Amino acid sequence: MAQFFILFCAAVTFALMACDPRPAELMQTASAWDQAPHPAQQAQQNAKDQSVS
């Protein structure tokens, strides 16, 4: 009985995720690789790099 319930929940979850009408492009967050670093963070990183060298 418990196995049937788990299987039923999995099937319902899959169906709801597959039928989601929202566009996927709007749900994605911006990548940190695409963002330019803040000038203060860049200066701090440069100071770190110079102290290591």
Protein backbone atom coordinates (compact mmCIF):
# COMPACT_ATOMS: atom_id res chain seq x y z
CA MET A 1 0.00 0.00 0.00
CA ALA A 2 2.80 2.42 0.85
CA GLN A 3 4.58 1.58 -2.41
CA PHE A 4 1.43 2.43 -4.37
CA PHE A 5 1.14 5.75 -2.53
CA ILE A 6 4.77 6.67 -3.26
CA LEU A 7 4.37 5.68 -6.92
CA PHE A 8 1.16 7.73 -7.15
CA CYS A 9 2.88 10.79 -5.62
CA ALA A 10 5.79 10.42 -8.04
CA ALA A 11 3.44 10.20 -11.03
CA VAL A 12 1.44 13.24 -9.92
CA THR A 13 4.62 15.24 -9.31
CA PHE A 14 6.00 14.30 -12.71
CA ALA A 15 2.73 15.22 -14.43
CA LEU A 16 2.57 18.60 -12.69
CA MET A 17 6.19 19.40 -13.57
CA ALA A 18 5.70 18.33 -17.20
CA CYS A 19 2.52 20.39 -17.63
CA ASP A 20 3.88 23.59 -16.04
CA PRO A 21 2.64 26.39 -18.32
CA ARG A 22 5.22 28.94 -17.18
CA PRO A 23 7.99 29.70 -19.72
CA ALA A 24 11.37 28.30 -18.67
CA GLU A 25 13.30 31.35 -19.92
CA LEU A 26 11.73 33.62 -17.32
CA MET A 27 12.45 31.25 -14.44
CA GLN A 28 16.22 31.08 -14.92
CA THR A 29 18.40 33.24 -12.71
CA ALA A 30 21.23 35.27 -14.15
CA SER A 31 24.58 33.55 -14.17
CA ALA A 32 27.39 35.03 -12.08
CA TRP A 33 29.74 34.38 -15.00
CA ASP A 34 27.81 36.86 -17.15
CA GLN A 35 27.87 39.68 -14.62
CA ALA A 36 30.65 42.28 -14.48
CA PRO A 37 32.30 42.47 -11.05
CA HIS A 38 31.60 45.48 -8.87
CA PRO A 39 34.55 47.97 -8.95
CA ALA A 40 35.12 47.68 -5.18
CA GLN A 41 35.24 43.88 -5.41
CA GLN A 42 37.60 44.08 -8.37
CA ALA A 43 39.96 46.41 -6.47
CA GLN A 44 39.89 44.08 -3.47
CA GLN A 45 40.70 41.08 -5.67
CA ASN A 46 43.56 42.98 -7.32
CA ALA A 47 44.99 43.84 -3.90
CA LYS A 48 44.79 40.17 -2.91
CA ASP A 49 46.53 39.09 -6.10
CA GLN A 50 49.35 41.58 -5.60
CA SER A 51 49.90 40.54 -1.96
CA VAL A 52 50.20 36.87 -2.97
CA SER A 53 52.72 37.51 -5.73
